Amino acid sequence: MNEIVGSHDILLVTLDTLRYDVAAELAAAGRIPHLARHLPDGRWQRRHAPGSFTYASHQAIFAGFLPTPAAPGPHPRLFAASFAGSETTARRTFVYDTPDLVSGLAEAGYHTACIGGVGFFNKQGPLGSVLPGLFQESHWEPEFGVTSPTSFESQVTCAERLIRRLPHDRRLFLFVNAASLHQPNWFHLPGATEETGDSRETHAAALEYVDRHIGRLFAAASSRRPCFAIVCSDHGTAYGDDGYTGHRIGHESVWTVPYAHFLLDSTSTPAEAAR
């Protein structure tokens, strides 16, 4: 990461509430081709979330604690605040002398920008302003939120505008919190209704919807220079698993999340990325 920071733009996308099992099944079945083409061997990495709901997990992620590989460790981290005795800070870790990754990258010369999705990013009150307040620039509109059937494509359009107006020589750390997977998501599955509600199937349909538009985001993020991308979930959610529904609970469906990081080159056009 010490070679990446300063030479690459950085993109972090949290697919809010995405379950690992659904993400893995869709990748294996060829149902998310635009994401799968960037996954190592076409597969998501199985990891454990640092929190069981959006606020807790993102506070940890922005402190450098990305989802942890679901295997015995220790696991060296990509980013870490300077912290005496840290067992997961390694030679290749990018270490910063600020309280969080966002300000650490700002200190390294990055313009930091947030495009919010779920309510913890809506800036409509003190609590919804904490996470976006970490960034130099932040955006949220109702069209980006959980009740919008076109939330992700609206967020991508915002990202494209943001990137176009940024001076070419300024490095960018762009964070996007995709709200489409979060309930309600029934409207992403043809034939589903508000009465039938959300399900594992509508959750999967929401991921397919995100996949149809994420090529545009990857193309924009890599349009100025190579980009280091991290795409992961912040936590999963239960759809009746062992009698549980929702998240902010200690269940396997909540703690186990998909994760990937990869390099995007600067040669793709939006049309190529969408194929």
Protein backbone atom coordinates (compact mmCIF):
# COMPACT_ATOMS: atom_id res chain seq x y z
CA MET A 1 0.00 0.00 0.00
CA ASN A 2 2.96 2.34 0.44
CA GLU A 3 3.48 2.09 -3.33
CA ILE A 4 -0.24 2.54 -4.06
CA VAL A 5 -0.87 5.58 -1.86
CA GLY A 6 0.31 8.66 -3.70
CA SER A 7 0.45 7.05 -7.13
CA HIS A 8 -3.12 5.69 -7.51
CA ASP A 9 -6.59 6.99 -6.91
CA ILE A 10 -8.46 4.89 -4.33
CA LEU A 11 -12.07 3.71 -4.48
CA LEU A 12 -13.89 2.12 -1.54
CA VAL A 13 -17.38 0.76 -2.17
CA THR A 14 -19.43 -0.76 0.64
CA LEU A 15 -22.35 -2.80 -0.66
CA ASP A 16 -24.39 -2.15 2.45
CA THR A 17 -25.97 -5.26 4.02
CA LEU A 18 -24.77 -7.71 1.33
CA ARG A 19 -24.65 -11.32 2.54
CA TYR A 20 -21.61 -13.43 1.66
CA ASP A 21 -23.60 -16.50 0.61
CA VAL A 22 -25.76 -14.55 -1.83
CA ALA A 23 -22.75 -12.73 -3.30
CA ALA A 24 -20.83 -16.01 -3.71
CA GLU A 25 -23.76 -17.81 -5.32
CA LEU A 26 -24.37 -15.06 -7.85
CA ALA A 27 -20.69 -14.86 -8.79
CA ALA A 28 -20.52 -18.63 -9.30
CA ALA A 29 -23.69 -18.60 -11.41
CA GLY A 30 -22.46 -15.81 -13.68
CA ARG A 31 -25.19 -13.43 -12.54
CA ILE A 32 -22.87 -10.52 -11.63
CA PRO A 33 -20.43 -10.46 -14.57
CA HIS A 34 -19.19 -6.89 -14.17
CA LEU A 35 -18.13 -7.48 -10.57
CA ALA A 36 -16.91 -11.03 -11.15
CA ARG A 37 -14.47 -10.05 -13.88
CA HIS A 38 -12.48 -8.13 -11.24
CA LEU A 39 -12.65 -10.72 -8.44
CA PRO A 40 -9.52 -12.86 -8.04
CA ASP A 41 -10.39 -16.17 -9.77
CA GLY A 42 -13.92 -14.80 -10.09
CA ARG A 43 -14.61 -15.36 -6.40
CA TRP A 44 -15.32 -13.19 -3.39
CA GLN A 45 -13.10 -13.54 -0.37
CA ARG A 46 -14.99 -14.74 2.72
CA ARG A 47 -14.42 -12.31 5.59
CA HIS A 48 -15.80 -11.30 8.97
CA ALA A 49 -17.34 -7.84 9.34
CA PRO A 50 -15.92 -5.46 11.97
CA GLY A 51 -19.47 -4.58 13.08
CA SER A 52 -23.00 -5.93 12.86
CA PHE A 53 -24.62 -2.75 11.51
CA THR A 54 -23.69 0.19 9.32
CA TYR A 55 -22.56 2.78 11.85
CA ALA A 56 -20.34 0.47 13.91
CA SER A 57 -18.83 -1.23 10.89
CA HIS A 58 -18.00 1.99 9.03
CA GLN A 59 -16.44 3.57 12.12
CA ALA A 60 -14.08 0.57 12.17
CA ILE A 61 -13.49 0.57 8.40
CA PHE A 62 -12.62 4.26 8.41
CA ALA A 63 -10.16 3.54 11.24
CA GLY A 64 -8.41 1.05 8.95
CA PHE A 65 -10.13 -2.12 10.16
CA LEU A 66 -11.49 -3.60 6.94
CA PRO A 67 -13.37 -6.92 7.13
CA THR A 68 -11.00 -9.61 8.44
CA PRO A 69 -10.25 -12.83 6.48
CA ALA A 70 -12.37 -15.65 7.93
CA ALA A 71 -9.38 -17.80 8.87
CA PRO A 72 -6.89 -17.89 11.75
CA GLY A 73 -4.60 -14.86 11.76
CA PRO A 74 -3.04 -12.50 12.42
CA HIS A 75 -3.87 -10.81 9.13
CA PRO A 76 -1.76 -7.76 8.16
CA ARG A 77 -3.91 -4.76 7.27
CA LEU A 78 -3.75 -2.52 4.20
CA PHE A 79 -4.13 0.66 6.28
CA ALA A 80 -3.49 1.39 9.94
CA ALA A 81 -3.20 4.36 12.25
CA SER A 82 0.10 4.66 14.06
CA PHE A 83 -0.58 2.59 17.18
CA ALA A 84 2.01 1.09 19.53
CA GLY A 85 1.79 -2.68 19.79
CA SER A 86 -0.45 -3.24 16.77
CA GLU A 87 -0.12 -6.88 15.70
CA THR A 88 -1.70 -6.34 12.29
CA THR A 89 0.49 -3.46 11.11
CA ALA A 90 3.12 -4.85 8.74
CA ARG A 91 5.93 -3.51 6.57
CA ARG A 92 3.59 -3.10 3.60
CA THR A 93 0.82 -1.41 5.59
CA PHE A 94 0.19 2.27 4.87
CA VAL A 95 0.49 3.88 8.31
CA TYR A 96 -0.91 7.34 9.02
CA ASP A 97 -0.55 9.66 12.00
CA THR A 98 -4.20 10.74 12.17
CA PRO A 99 -7.21 9.18 13.92
CA ASP A 100 -8.74 7.71 10.74
CA LEU A 101 -7.93 6.61 7.22
CA VAL A 102 -9.89 9.45 5.60
CA SER A 103 -7.85 12.19 7.26
CA GLY A 104 -4.71 10.11 6.80
CA LEU A 105 -5.22 10.08 3.04
CA ALA A 106 -6.10 13.79 3.09
CA GLU A 107 -2.79 14.45 4.81
CA ALA A 108 -1.12 12.42 2.04
CA GLY A 109 -2.57 14.84 -0.54
CA TYR A 110 -5.84 13.13 -1.47
CA HIS A 111 -9.15 14.85 -2.02
CA THR A 112 -11.59 12.79 0.08
CA ALA A 113 -15.19 12.45 -1.10
CA CYS A 114 -18.19 10.51 0.19
CA ILE A 115 -21.34 9.55 -1.72
CA GLY A 116 -23.72 8.28 0.95
CA GLY A 117 -26.56 5.82 0.75
CA VAL A 118 -28.22 4.59 3.94
CA GLY A 119 -29.49 6.87 6.68
CA PHE A 120 -26.20 7.11 8.59
CA PHE A 121 -24.91 9.20 5.65
CA ASN A 122 -27.96 11.42 5.02
CA LYS A 123 -26.67 14.48 6.94
CA GLN A 124 -30.22 15.16 8.17
CA GLY A 125 -29.19 15.27 11.81
CA PRO A 126 -26.13 15.01 14.07
CA LEU A 127 -25.91 11.20 13.90
CA GLY A 128 -26.30 11.14 10.11
CA SER A 129 -23.52 13.72 9.81
CA VAL A 130 -20.74 11.92 11.73
CA LEU A 131 -19.51 9.58 8.96
CA PRO A 132 -19.84 11.99 6.00
CA GLY A 133 -18.25 14.65 8.21
CA LEU A 134 -14.94 12.79 7.99
CA PHE A 135 -14.65 13.75 4.31
CA GLN A 136 -13.70 17.02 2.63
CA GLU A 137 -16.70 16.61 0.27
CA SER A 138 -19.87 14.63 0.86
CA HIS A 139 -23.10 14.05 -1.03
CA TRP A 140 -26.47 12.59 -0.15
CA GLU A 141 -29.87 12.97 -1.79
CA PRO A 142 -33.13 11.06 -1.28
CA GLU A 143 -32.47 9.47 -4.69
CA PHE A 144 -29.41 7.77 -3.15
CA GLY A 145 -31.35 6.26 -0.24
CA VAL A 146 -32.81 2.89 0.59
CA THR A 147 -36.31 3.61 -0.75
CA SER A 148 -35.12 4.60 -4.24
CA PRO A 149 -35.26 1.84 -6.90
CA THR A 150 -32.62 3.77 -8.87
CA SER A 151 -30.32 4.62 -5.96
CA PHE A 152 -27.08 3.15 -7.26
CA GLU A 153 -27.26 4.55 -10.76
CA SER A 154 -27.97 7.97 -9.22
CA GLN A 155 -24.91 7.60 -7.00
CA VAL A 156 -22.77 6.63 -10.00
CA THR A 157 -23.93 9.73 -11.89
CA CYS A 158 -22.90 11.83 -8.89
CA ALA A 159 -19.49 10.13 -8.86
CA GLU A 160 -18.99 10.81 -12.57
CA ARG A 161 -19.71 14.52 -12.07
CA LEU A 162 -17.43 14.72 -9.04
CA ILE A 163 -14.52 13.08 -10.86
CA ARG A 164 -14.92 15.21 -13.99
CA ARG A 165 -14.57 18.47 -12.06
CA LEU A 166 -11.61 17.42 -9.92
CA PRO A 167 -8.24 18.76 -11.12
CA HIS A 168 -6.41 15.98 -12.94
CA ASP A 169 -3.29 16.22 -10.80
CA ARG A 170 -5.23 15.83 -7.51
CA ARG A 171 -5.36 12.31 -6.12
CA LEU A 172 -8.83 11.09 -5.11
CA PHE A 173 -10.13 8.87 -2.34
CA LEU A 174 -13.75 8.18 -3.26
CA PHE A 175 -16.09 6.32 -0.93
CA VAL A 176 -19.50 5.08 -2.08
CA ASN A 177 -22.03 3.48 0.27
CA ALA A 178 -24.46 1.58 -1.95
CA ALA A 179 -27.89 1.38 -0.32
CA SER A 180 -29.58 -0.91 -2.85
CA LEU A 181 -29.06 -4.18 -0.93
CA HIS A 182 -30.52 -2.75 2.28
CA GLN A 183 -34.19 -3.26 3.00
CA PRO A 184 -36.51 -2.44 1.36
CA ASN A 185 -35.24 -4.21 -1.75
CA TRP A 186 -38.35 -6.03 -2.97
CA PHE A 187 -38.76 -3.62 -5.89
CA HIS A 188 -35.64 -5.02 -7.59
CA LEU A 189 -37.31 -8.39 -8.28
CA PRO A 190 -39.96 -8.45 -11.02
CA GLY A 191 -43.23 -9.73 -9.60
CA ALA A 192 -42.39 -8.97 -5.98
CA THR A 193 -44.61 -6.53 -4.13
CA GLU A 194 -44.44 -4.51 -0.95
CA GLU A 195 -46.90 -7.01 0.54
CA THR A 196 -44.68 -10.02 -0.27
CA GLY A 197 -41.75 -8.05 1.13
CA ASP A 198 -38.01 -8.59 1.08
CA SER A 199 -36.36 -11.97 0.80
CA ARG A 200 -33.09 -13.61 -0.06
CA GLU A 201 -34.29 -13.56 -3.70
CA THR A 202 -34.99 -9.81 -3.72
CA HIS A 203 -31.62 -9.26 -2.02
CA ALA A 204 -29.99 -11.17 -4.90
CA ALA A 205 -31.92 -9.15 -7.46
CA ALA A 206 -30.64 -5.95 -5.83
CA LEU A 207 -27.04 -7.16 -6.26
CA GLU A 208 -27.74 -7.88 -9.94
CA TYR A 209 -29.05 -4.32 -10.25
CA VAL A 210 -25.85 -2.92 -8.72
CA ASP A 211 -23.77 -5.06 -11.05
CA ARG A 212 -25.50 -3.61 -14.11
CA HIS A 213 -24.24 -0.13 -13.20
CA ILE A 214 -20.95 -0.66 -11.38
CA GLY A 215 -18.96 -0.73 -14.63
CA ARG A 216 -19.66 2.97 -15.02
CA LEU A 217 -18.29 3.63 -11.55
CA PHE A 218 -15.13 1.59 -12.20
CA ALA A 219 -14.58 3.40 -15.50
CA ALA A 220 -14.98 6.82 -13.90
CA ALA A 221 -12.75 5.94 -10.94
CA SER A 222 -9.94 4.82 -13.26
CA SER A 223 -10.39 7.55 -15.89
CA ARG A 224 -7.56 9.76 -14.64
CA ARG A 225 -4.94 7.22 -13.49
CA PRO A 226 -4.83 3.63 -12.20
CA CYS A 227 -7.16 3.10 -9.26
CA PHE A 228 -6.94 0.74 -6.30
CA ALA A 229 -10.47 -0.50 -5.57
CA ILE A 230 -11.92 -2.17 -2.49
CA VAL A 231 -15.44 -3.59 -2.77
CA CYS A 232 -16.97 -5.23 0.28
CA SER A 233 -19.99 -5.48 2.51
CA ASP A 234 -20.12 -3.82 5.91
CA HIS A 235 -22.34 -6.55 7.35
CA GLY A 236 -24.93 -9.04 6.18
CA THR A 237 -28.56 -9.47 7.15
CA ALA A 238 -30.88 -12.33 8.11
CA TYR A 239 -33.98 -13.38 6.21
CA GLY A 240 -35.47 -15.82 8.69
CA ASP A 241 -32.17 -17.65 9.31
CA ASP A 242 -32.63 -19.61 12.55
CA GLY A 243 -35.64 -17.39 13.21
CA TYR A 244 -33.69 -14.12 12.90
CA THR A 245 -34.57 -11.20 10.65
CA GLY A 246 -32.42 -8.12 10.04
CA HIS A 247 -29.00 -7.25 11.45
CA ARG A 248 -27.34 -5.72 14.53
CA ILE A 249 -27.33 -9.30 15.81
CA GLY A 250 -24.56 -11.89 16.25
CA HIS A 251 -25.55 -14.34 13.53
CA GLU A 252 -23.46 -15.98 10.81
CA SER A 253 -25.56 -14.34 8.09
CA VAL A 254 -24.64 -10.94 9.54
CA TRP A 255 -20.98 -11.43 10.46
CA THR A 256 -19.86 -13.14 7.24
CA VAL A 257 -19.35 -10.76 4.31
CA PRO A 258 -17.85 -10.71 0.80
CA TYR A 259 -14.66 -8.77 0.15
CA ALA A 260 -12.35 -8.04 -2.80
CA HIS A 261 -9.62 -5.58 -3.69
CA PHE A 262 -8.08 -5.16 -7.11
CA LEU A 263 -6.46 -2.68 -9.47
CA LEU A 264 -8.41 -0.83 -12.15
CA ASP A 265 -6.32 0.41 -15.05
CA SER A 266 -6.92 3.73 -16.75
CA THR A 267 -7.71 2.36 -20.22
CA SER A 268 -11.34 1.28 -19.79
CA THR A 269 -14.10 3.42 -21.20
CA PRO A 270 -17.60 3.40 -19.66
CA ALA A 271 -18.84 1.34 -22.60
CA GLU A 272 -16.09 -1.25 -22.15
CA ALA A 273 -16.70 -1.46 -18.40
CA ALA A 274 -20.41 -2.05 -18.97
CA ARG A 275 -19.84 -5.08 -21.20
